[in-house]
Amino acid sequence: MFYNEGMLTDLVYNDLRQKILSLTLKPGTELNFTNLKPLYNVSISPIRDALKRLQTEGLVDIRPQSGTSVALIDLARVRDERFMRLSIELGAIEKVFAYGIPAQLITNWEDSIERQKRAFSCRDTAAFLDLDNSMHRLLFEACGHQLVFDNVLASSGNYHRVRMVSYLFDEIFSNAIEQHTAILNALKSGSKDEVLDLERKHISKMDTETTAYQKAYPQYFK
């Protein structure tokens, strides 16, 4: 198959982004053309363009004459991305209750929690976060706004990474499952106010946890 330069840029971008978000490439890791060029077997141009795209998302730092590296996690950006996520999710919950909670939402949420428990049992943080995101996306599917969720997710790389760090703590990892279960039970009972309150606490809890993350992994943060 023939790949034009734009397609090659997409391939490099998608692979690097996945590695950054999963912490396979940790914050602060140097990214230089000498190492990346043979890894992707492409010219410098697609790599440069991919790195520029990642820079606009706050995932890569490009320093002229000094080098390029995976950006440290920017907590100011995390707060903005978390606020955006919380705002749209509360709006989705309002719409779900206005339309009526579909039985499939409950079934899929239950299935996701069981799969999250399996991910926790083997400490697969990347799989857990994927399941977490896809579970929350169910709310947007139920009210026909899944594209909104996808767009917010695509622009929340720093928030994603701090959540990955959070799941390195077993207590926080297991608490997330408990919170997801509580939201499920509130959905089943049809209590909109309880779901909204639980969702606020679920997404906002990171405000009180961040100090622990910074203390354990200071090298990851600005």
Foldseek 3Di string as FASTA:
>chain_A
DDDDLVRLLVVLLVVVLVCLLLCVFAAPAFDDCVVVCVVSVDDVVSVVVSQVVCVVLQQKDQDPPPGIGGHFQEVVLLVVLLVLVLVVLLVLLVQLLVVDPDPVLLVLLVVLLVVLVVCLVVLVLVVNVVSVLVNSLSSCVSRVRSVSSVVSVVSNSSNSNVSSLQSVDSVSSVVLSVLSVQLSVCVVVSPSVSNSVSSCCNSVVVVVVVVVSCVVCVVRHD
